[in-house]
């Protein structure tokens, strides 16, 4: 989330006509497994289709083609899976970030754990999920499902069970690990820090939407290795 300031140009006193808010910048990258050359993309205040196209462009610049396969890791947001399917078709596969999944299991643990305790129950479910035994985990949850009259915010077992049911085929951790592919989204979480947050979230900084978009583009160009090429082009244009 990027700190944004919008000024009402029609206000008599522009100091009082300022509105402060947060806008989402969506970062993505692609690379060949085992290689450290990353190709980045970022979208700011755009729709999900633009984000999907951006990811497709990143993948192509990283070497994606008709004979390759895309392994994507993210949280459970349905629009991300939808874009992987839309942009990459049968060549793309989406995996739920294992550590994001664990948050749901941890939330359900208090209601599901017996004498062995929460920690033992959570560890057991993690082992099962890593082994691809999703059905066994759902069966462990079902006996503890909250009554329908209990609101969702107070029903962690229901939320966890629904999370698993609504994402079939997105928990293939054995398949990913067998190919040496990541099961967590730590790489992109780190990239958010050193590309976006390090510059756009410095203390006291508030950006106009136009300047934020420009700075994000510059940060991505530098991370992609296009920094000198960009400024050479700017000097020639001048």
C-alpha atoms as a PDB file:
ATOM      1  CA  UNK A   1       0.000   0.000   0.000  1.00  0.00           C
ATOM      2  CA  UNK A   2       1.436   3.358  -1.095  1.00  0.00           C
ATOM      3  CA  UNK A   3       0.699   6.610   0.798  1.00  0.00           C
ATOM      4  CA  UNK A   4      -1.109   8.980  -1.577  1.00  0.00           C
ATOM      5  CA  UNK A   5      -2.134  12.616  -1.331  1.00  0.00           C
ATOM      6  CA  UNK A   6      -4.767  14.075  -3.630  1.00  0.00           C
ATOM      7  CA  UNK A   7      -5.251  17.846  -3.804  1.00  0.00           C
ATOM      8  CA  UNK A   8      -8.537  19.485  -4.712  1.00  0.00           C
ATOM      9  CA  UNK A   9      -7.431  21.939  -7.396  1.00  0.00           C
ATOM     10  CA  UNK A  10     -10.649  23.907  -6.977  1.00  0.00           C
ATOM     11  CA  UNK A  11     -10.164  24.489  -3.270  1.00  0.00           C
ATOM     12  CA  UNK A  12      -9.397  28.063  -2.252  1.00  0.00           C
ATOM     13  CA  UNK A  13      -6.835  26.866   0.258  1.00  0.00           C
ATOM     14  CA  UNK A  14      -5.014  23.849  -1.168  1.00  0.00           C
ATOM     15  CA  UNK A  15      -3.542  23.036   2.216  1.00  0.00           C
ATOM     16  CA  UNK A  16      -7.066  22.304   3.423  1.00  0.00           C
ATOM     17  CA  UNK A  17      -8.132  20.654   0.177  1.00  0.00           C
ATOM     18  CA  UNK A  18      -5.810  17.676   0.560  1.00  0.00           C
ATOM     19  CA  UNK A  19      -7.014  14.124   0.961  1.00  0.00           C
ATOM     20  CA  UNK A  20      -4.703  11.407   2.304  1.00  0.00           C
ATOM     21  CA  UNK A  21      -5.264   7.755   1.467  1.00  0.00           C
ATOM     22  CA  UNK A  22      -3.552   4.478   0.600  1.00  0.00           C
ATOM     23  CA  UNK A  23      -3.510   2.872  -2.848  1.00  0.00           C
ATOM     24  CA  UNK A  24      -2.397  -0.624  -3.749  1.00  0.00           C
ATOM     25  CA  UNK A  25       0.627  -1.262  -5.936  1.00  0.00           C
ATOM     26  CA  UNK A  26       0.708  -4.833  -7.256  1.00  0.00           C
ATOM     27  CA  UNK A  27       4.195  -6.184  -7.872  1.00  0.00           C
ATOM     28  CA  UNK A  28       5.042  -9.366  -9.749  1.00  0.00           C
ATOM     29  CA  UNK A  29       8.144 -10.991 -11.174  1.00  0.00           C
ATOM     30  CA  UNK A  30       9.200 -14.062 -13.086  1.00  0.00           C
ATOM     31  CA  UNK A  31      12.446 -15.970 -13.464  1.00  0.00           C
ATOM     32  CA  UNK A  32      13.777 -19.312 -14.593  1.00  0.00           C
ATOM     33  CA  UNK A  33      14.156 -21.713 -11.627  1.00  0.00           C
ATOM     34  CA  UNK A  34      17.643 -21.534 -10.183  1.00  0.00           C
ATOM     35  CA  UNK A  35      18.505 -18.272 -11.936  1.00  0.00           C
ATOM     36  CA  UNK A  36      18.764 -14.946 -10.135  1.00  0.00           C
ATOM     37  CA  UNK A  37      17.846 -12.704 -13.076  1.00  0.00           C
ATOM     38  CA  UNK A  38      14.348 -11.465 -12.238  1.00  0.00           C
ATOM     39  CA  UNK A  39      11.961  -9.654 -14.552  1.00  0.00           C
ATOM     40  CA  UNK A  40       9.618  -7.337 -12.666  1.00  0.00           C
ATOM     41  CA  UNK A  41       6.335  -5.638 -13.331  1.00  0.00           C
ATOM     42  CA  UNK A  42       4.129  -3.360 -11.261  1.00  0.00           C
ATOM     43  CA  UNK A  43       0.596  -2.030 -11.648  1.00  0.00           C
ATOM     44  CA  UNK A  44      -0.815   0.884  -9.700  1.00  0.00           C
ATOM     45  CA  UNK A  45      -4.528   1.677  -9.485  1.00  0.00           C
ATOM     46  CA  UNK A  46      -5.255  -0.609 -12.444  1.00  0.00           C
ATOM     47  CA  UNK A  47      -7.680  -3.508 -12.889  1.00  0.00           C
ATOM     48  CA  UNK A  48      -6.853  -7.180 -12.449  1.00  0.00           C
ATOM     49  CA  UNK A  49      -6.640  -7.802 -16.201  1.00  0.00           C
ATOM     50  CA  UNK A  50      -3.807  -5.295 -16.417  1.00  0.00           C
ATOM     51  CA  UNK A  51      -2.026  -7.081 -13.580  1.00  0.00           C
ATOM     52  CA  UNK A  52      -2.417 -10.400 -15.416  1.00  0.00           C
ATOM     53  CA  UNK A  53      -1.045  -8.937 -18.641  1.00  0.00           C
ATOM     54  CA  UNK A  54       1.838  -7.491 -16.685  1.00  0.00           C
ATOM     55  CA  UNK A  55       2.687 -10.901 -15.237  1.00  0.00           C
ATOM     56  CA  UNK A  56       2.484 -12.463 -18.693  1.00  0.00           C
ATOM     57  CA  UNK A  57       4.905  -9.825 -19.983  1.00  0.00           C
ATOM     58  CA  UNK A  58       7.291 -10.543 -17.087  1.00  0.00           C
ATOM     59  CA  UNK A  59       7.165 -14.265 -17.829  1.00  0.00           C
ATOM     60  CA  UNK A  60       7.850 -13.735 -21.539  1.00  0.00           C
ATOM     61  CA  UNK A  61      10.828 -11.499 -20.785  1.00  0.00           C
ATOM     62  CA  UNK A  62      12.121 -14.198 -18.430  1.00  0.00           C
ATOM     63  CA  UNK A  63      11.896 -16.870 -21.148  1.00  0.00           C
ATOM     64  CA  UNK A  64       8.322 -18.169 -21.087  1.00  0.00           C
ATOM     65  CA  UNK A  65       7.195 -19.604 -24.417  1.00  0.00           C
ATOM     66  CA  UNK A  66       5.139 -22.279 -26.138  1.00  0.00           C
ATOM     67  CA  UNK A  67       7.226 -25.092 -24.668  1.00  0.00           C
ATOM     68  CA  UNK A  68       7.507 -23.850 -21.106  1.00  0.00           C
ATOM     69  CA  UNK A  69       5.485 -24.023 -17.912  1.00  0.00           C
ATOM     70  CA  UNK A  70       4.633 -21.341 -15.356  1.00  0.00           C
ATOM     71  CA  UNK A  71       4.691 -22.091 -11.639  1.00  0.00           C
ATOM     72  CA  UNK A  72       2.984 -19.311  -9.690  1.00  0.00           C
ATOM     73  CA  UNK A  73       2.715 -18.902  -5.910  1.00  0.00           C
ATOM     74  CA  UNK A  74       0.375 -16.523  -4.125  1.00  0.00           C
ATOM     75  CA  UNK A  75      -2.284 -16.164  -1.473  1.00  0.00           C
ATOM     76  CA  UNK A  76      -5.856 -17.330  -1.873  1.00  0.00           C
ATOM     77  CA  UNK A  77      -7.193 -14.314  -3.780  1.00  0.00           C
ATOM     78  CA  UNK A  78      -9.449 -15.723  -6.502  1.00  0.00           C
ATOM     79  CA  UNK A  79      -8.569 -12.982  -8.996  1.00  0.00           C
ATOM     80  CA  UNK A  80      -4.898 -14.078  -9.010  1.00  0.00           C
ATOM     81  CA  UNK A  81      -5.812 -17.666  -9.860  1.00  0.00           C
ATOM     82  CA  UNK A  82      -8.239 -16.338 -12.468  1.00  0.00           C
ATOM     83  CA  UNK A  83      -5.496 -14.348 -14.156  1.00  0.00           C
ATOM     84  CA  UNK A  84      -3.066 -17.282 -14.186  1.00  0.00           C
ATOM     85  CA  UNK A  85      -5.746 -19.352 -15.894  1.00  0.00           C
ATOM     86  CA  UNK A  86      -6.678 -16.546 -18.300  1.00  0.00           C
ATOM     87  CA  UNK A  87      -3.166 -15.518 -19.301  1.00  0.00           C
ATOM     88  CA  UNK A  88      -1.356 -18.880 -19.298  1.00  0.00           C
ATOM     89  CA  UNK A  89      -4.068 -21.515 -19.781  1.00  0.00           C
ATOM     90  CA  UNK A  90      -2.837 -25.091 -19.427  1.00  0.00           C
ATOM     91  CA  UNK A  91       0.780 -23.879 -19.252  1.00  0.00           C
ATOM     92  CA  UNK A  92       0.204 -22.215 -15.916  1.00  0.00           C
ATOM     93  CA  UNK A  93      -0.253 -23.678 -12.465  1.00  0.00           C
ATOM     94  CA  UNK A  94      -1.190 -21.793  -9.318  1.00  0.00           C
ATOM     95  CA  UNK A  95      -0.070 -22.899  -5.868  1.00  0.00           C
ATOM     96  CA  UNK A  96      -1.346 -21.464  -2.595  1.00  0.00           C
ATOM     97  CA  UNK A  97       1.470 -20.053  -0.482  1.00  0.00           C
ATOM     98  CA  UNK A  98       2.052 -22.694   2.186  1.00  0.00           C
ATOM     99  CA  UNK A  99       2.554 -20.180   4.975  1.00  0.00           C
ATOM    100  CA  UNK A 100      -0.684 -18.400   4.085  1.00  0.00           C
ATOM    101  CA  UNK A 101      -2.486 -21.735   4.346  1.00  0.00           C
ATOM    102  CA  UNK A 102      -0.891 -22.329   7.744  1.00  0.00           C
ATOM    103  CA  UNK A 103      -2.610 -19.217   9.124  1.00  0.00           C
ATOM    104  CA  UNK A 104      -5.972 -20.882   8.484  1.00  0.00           C
ATOM    105  CA  UNK A 105      -4.825 -24.129  10.089  1.00  0.00           C
ATOM    106  CA  UNK A 106      -3.511 -22.241  13.111  1.00  0.00           C
ATOM    107  CA  UNK A 107      -6.826 -20.429  13.454  1.00  0.00           C
ATOM    108  CA  UNK A 108      -8.708 -23.740  13.543  1.00  0.00           C
ATOM    109  CA  UNK A 109      -6.278 -25.507  15.867  1.00  0.00           C
ATOM    110  CA  UNK A 110      -7.826 -24.453  19.179  1.00  0.00           C
ATOM    111  CA  UNK A 111     -11.175 -26.017  18.292  1.00  0.00           C
ATOM    112  CA  UNK A 112      -9.701 -29.145  16.679  1.00  0.00           C
ATOM    113  CA  UNK A 113      -6.811 -30.117  18.933  1.00  0.00           C
ATOM    114  CA  UNK A 114      -7.316 -32.666  21.662  1.00  0.00           C
ATOM    115  CA  UNK A 115      -5.030 -33.838  24.421  1.00  0.00           C
ATOM    116  CA  UNK A 116      -2.004 -33.536  22.173  1.00  0.00           C
ATOM    117  CA  UNK A 117      -2.387 -29.771  22.071  1.00  0.00           C
ATOM    118  CA  UNK A 118      -2.550 -27.135  19.356  1.00  0.00           C
ATOM    119  CA  UNK A 119       1.071 -27.389  18.278  1.00  0.00           C
ATOM    120  CA  UNK A 120       0.931 -31.122  17.691  1.00  0.00           C
ATOM    121  CA  UNK A 121      -2.340 -30.810  15.745  1.00  0.00           C
ATOM    122  CA  UNK A 122      -0.976 -28.018  13.542  1.00  0.00           C
ATOM    123  CA  UNK A 123       2.237 -29.927  12.828  1.00  0.00           C
ATOM    124  CA  UNK A 124       0.218 -33.011  11.894  1.00  0.00           C
ATOM    125  CA  UNK A 125      -1.895 -31.042   9.394  1.00  0.00           C
ATOM    126  CA  UNK A 126       1.190 -29.410   7.888  1.00  0.00           C
ATOM    127  CA  UNK A 127       2.754 -32.803   7.316  1.00  0.00           C
ATOM    128  CA  UNK A 128      -0.437 -34.040   5.656  1.00  0.00           C
ATOM    129  CA  UNK A 129      -0.680 -30.990   3.398  1.00  0.00           C
ATOM    130  CA  UNK A 130       2.980 -31.268   2.389  1.00  0.00           C
ATOM    131  CA  UNK A 131       2.244 -34.909   1.493  1.00  0.00           C
ATOM    132  CA  UNK A 132      -0.725 -33.891  -0.666  1.00  0.00           C
ATOM    133  CA  UNK A 133      -3.302 -35.450   1.646  1.00  0.00           C
ATOM    134  CA  UNK A 134      -5.788 -32.591   1.555  1.00  0.00           C
ATOM    135  CA  UNK A 135      -8.775 -34.882   2.098  1.00  0.00           C
ATOM    136  CA  UNK A 136      -7.376 -36.134   5.388  1.00  0.00           C
ATOM    137  CA  UNK A 137      -7.047 -32.560   6.619  1.00  0.00           C
ATOM    138  CA  UNK A 138     -10.628 -31.723   5.664  1.00  0.00           C
ATOM    139  CA  UNK A 139     -11.815 -34.860   7.461  1.00  0.00           C
ATOM    140  CA  UNK A 140      -9.937 -33.736  10.569  1.00  0.00           C
ATOM    141  CA  UNK A 141     -11.759 -30.403  10.429  1.00  0.00           C
ATOM    142  CA  UNK A 142     -15.311 -31.613   9.775  1.00  0.00           C
ATOM    143  CA  UNK A 143     -16.142 -32.977  13.285  1.00  0.00           C
ATOM    144  CA  UNK A 144     -15.374 -29.534  14.730  1.00  0.00           C
ATOM    145  CA  UNK A 145     -17.354 -27.446  12.264  1.00  0.00           C
ATOM    146  CA  UNK A 146     -19.212 -24.626  13.997  1.00  0.00           C
ATOM    147  CA  UNK A 147     -23.046 -24.402  13.903  1.00  0.00           C
ATOM    148  CA  UNK A 148     -24.468 -22.310  11.066  1.00  0.00           C
ATOM    149  CA  UNK A 149     -25.830 -19.663  13.424  1.00  0.00           C
ATOM    150  CA  UNK A 150     -22.287 -18.709  14.503  1.00  0.00           C
ATOM    151  CA  UNK A 151     -20.931 -15.802  12.482  1.00  0.00           C
ATOM    152  CA  UNK A 152     -17.962 -16.371  10.196  1.00  0.00           C
ATOM    153  CA  UNK A 153     -15.632 -14.172  12.222  1.00  0.00           C
ATOM    154  CA  UNK A 154     -16.103 -16.553  15.145  1.00  0.00           C
ATOM    155  CA  UNK A 155     -15.918 -19.755  13.067  1.00  0.00           C
ATOM    156  CA  UNK A 156     -12.241 -20.483  12.229  1.00  0.00           C
ATOM    157  CA  UNK A 157     -12.886 -24.143  11.419  1.00  0.00           C
ATOM    158  CA  UNK A 158     -15.563 -23.224   8.882  1.00  0.00           C
ATOM    159  CA  UNK A 159     -13.270 -20.619   7.301  1.00  0.00           C
ATOM    160  CA  UNK A 160     -10.422 -23.113   7.042  1.00  0.00           C
ATOM    161  CA  UNK A 161     -12.611 -25.841   5.582  1.00  0.00           C
ATOM    162  CA  UNK A 162     -14.100 -23.449   3.026  1.00  0.00           C
ATOM    163  CA  UNK A 163     -10.612 -22.225   2.111  1.00  0.00           C
ATOM    164  CA  UNK A 164      -9.593 -25.789   1.252  1.00  0.00           C
ATOM    165  CA  UNK A 165     -12.822 -26.681  -0.572  1.00  0.00           C
ATOM    166  CA  UNK A 166     -12.828 -23.555  -2.739  1.00  0.00           C
ATOM    167  CA  UNK A 167      -9.302 -24.072  -4.095  1.00  0.00           C
ATOM    168  CA  UNK A 168      -9.117 -27.553  -5.617  1.00  0.00           C
ATOM    169  CA  UNK A 169      -5.806 -28.387  -7.253  1.00  0.00           C
ATOM    170  CA  UNK A 170      -4.037 -25.423  -5.661  1.00  0.00           C
ATOM    171  CA  UNK A 171      -2.298 -27.342  -2.869  1.00  0.00           C
ATOM    172  CA  UNK A 172       0.060 -29.581  -4.862  1.00  0.00           C
ATOM    173  CA  UNK A 173       3.049 -29.131  -2.578  1.00  0.00           C
ATOM    174  CA  UNK A 174       4.517 -32.592  -3.311  1.00  0.00           C
ATOM    175  CA  UNK A 175       4.541 -31.823  -7.036  1.00  0.00           C
ATOM    176  CA  UNK A 176       6.242 -28.470  -6.514  1.00  0.00           C
ATOM    177  CA  UNK A 177       8.874 -29.818  -4.150  1.00  0.00           C
ATOM    178  CA  UNK A 178       9.612 -32.765  -6.442  1.00  0.00           C
ATOM    179  CA  UNK A 179      10.556 -30.239  -9.152  1.00  0.00           C
ATOM    180  CA  UNK A 180      12.513 -28.025  -6.781  1.00  0.00           C
ATOM    181  CA  UNK A 181       9.935 -25.234  -7.053  1.00  0.00           C
ATOM    182  CA  UNK A 182       8.983 -22.901  -4.180  1.00  0.00           C
ATOM    183  CA  UNK A 183       5.896 -23.473  -2.050  1.00  0.00           C
ATOM    184  CA  UNK A 184       6.094 -20.069  -0.340  1.00  0.00           C
ATOM    185  CA  UNK A 185       5.896 -16.501  -1.584  1.00  0.00           C
ATOM    186  CA  UNK A 186       8.887 -15.203   0.367  1.00  0.00           C
ATOM    187  CA  UNK A 187      10.633 -13.946  -2.774  1.00  0.00           C
ATOM    188  CA  UNK A 188       7.848 -11.564  -3.739  1.00  0.00           C
ATOM    189  CA  UNK A 189       7.358 -10.449  -0.129  1.00  0.00           C
ATOM    190  CA  UNK A 190      11.040  -9.474  -0.034  1.00  0.00           C
ATOM    191  CA  UNK A 191      10.744  -7.741  -3.400  1.00  0.00           C
ATOM    192  CA  UNK A 192       7.928  -5.554  -2.075  1.00  0.00           C
ATOM    193  CA  UNK A 193      10.324  -4.308   0.583  1.00  0.00           C
ATOM    194  CA  UNK A 194      13.337  -3.485  -1.589  1.00  0.00           C
ATOM    195  CA  UNK A 195      11.465  -2.201  -4.662  1.00  0.00           C
ATOM    196  CA  UNK A 196       8.367  -0.461  -3.311  1.00  0.00           C
ATOM    197  CA  UNK A 197       8.600   0.123   0.423  1.00  0.00           C
ATOM    198  CA  UNK A 198      12.264   1.150   0.579  1.00  0.00           C
ATOM    199  CA  UNK A 199      11.542   4.223  -1.544  1.00  0.00           C
ATOM    200  CA  UNK A 200       7.830   4.959  -1.535  1.00  0.00           C
ATOM    201  CA  UNK A 201       7.181   4.360   2.156  1.00  0.00           C
ATOM    202  CA  UNK A 202       9.985   6.403   3.664  1.00  0.00           C
ATOM    203  CA  UNK A 203       9.019   8.405   6.756  1.00  0.00           C
ATOM    204  CA  UNK A 204       6.865  11.423   5.969  1.00  0.00           C
ATOM    205  CA  UNK A 205       6.526  10.698   2.250  1.00  0.00           C
ATOM    206  CA  UNK A 206       3.160  11.182   0.535  1.00  0.00           C
ATOM    207  CA  UNK A 207       2.874  10.872  -3.235  1.00  0.00           C
ATOM    208  CA  UNK A 208       0.555  12.222  -5.857  1.00  0.00           C
ATOM    209  CA  UNK A 209      -0.841   9.364  -7.969  1.00  0.00           C
ATOM    210  CA  UNK A 210       1.160  10.539 -10.997  1.00  0.00           C
ATOM    211  CA  UNK A 211       4.470  10.721  -9.127  1.00  0.00           C
ATOM    212  CA  UNK A 212       3.882   7.379  -7.422  1.00  0.00           C
ATOM    213  CA  UNK A 213       3.258   5.714 -10.778  1.00  0.00           C
ATOM    214  CA  UNK A 214       6.419   7.263 -12.244  1.00  0.00           C
ATOM    215  CA  UNK A 215       8.583   6.306  -9.269  1.00  0.00           C
ATOM    216  CA  UNK A 216       7.278   2.734  -9.321  1.00  0.00           C
ATOM    217  CA  UNK A 217       8.148   2.479 -13.019  1.00  0.00           C
ATOM    218  CA  UNK A 218      11.662   3.777 -12.348  1.00  0.00           C
ATOM    219  CA  UNK A 219      12.184   1.338  -9.472  1.00  0.00           C
ATOM    220  CA  UNK A 220      11.130  -1.571 -11.671  1.00  0.00           C
ATOM    221  CA  UNK A 221      13.308  -0.397 -14.577  1.00  0.00           C
ATOM    222  CA  UNK A 222      16.336  -0.313 -12.304  1.00  0.00           C
ATOM    223  CA  UNK A 223      15.583  -3.744 -10.818  1.00  0.00           C
ATOM    224  CA  UNK A 224      15.145  -5.129 -14.349  1.00  0.00           C
ATOM    225  CA  UNK A 225      18.523  -3.785 -15.446  1.00  0.00           C
ATOM    226  CA  UNK A 226      17.112  -1.137 -17.800  1.00  0.00           C
ATOM    227  CA  UNK A 227      18.301   1.863 -15.774  1.00  0.00           C
ATOM    228  CA  UNK A 228      21.089   3.037 -18.098  1.00  0.00           C
ATOM    229  CA  UNK A 229      19.058   2.215 -21.202  1.00  0.00           C
ATOM    230  CA  UNK A 230      16.160   4.313 -19.897  1.00  0.00           C
ATOM    231  CA  UNK A 231      18.282   7.390 -19.204  1.00  0.00           C
ATOM    232  CA  UNK A 232      20.123   7.020 -22.506  1.00  0.00           C
ATOM    233  CA  UNK A 233      16.754   7.099 -24.235  1.00  0.00           C
ATOM    234  CA  UNK A 234      15.705  10.144 -22.233  1.00  0.00           C
ATOM    235  CA  UNK A 235      18.871  12.035 -23.136  1.00  0.00           C
ATOM    236  CA  UNK A 236      18.441  11.262 -26.840  1.00  0.00           C
ATOM    237  CA  UNK A 237      14.801  12.368 -26.687  1.00  0.00           C
ATOM    238  CA  UNK A 238      15.896  15.656 -25.106  1.00  0.00           C
END
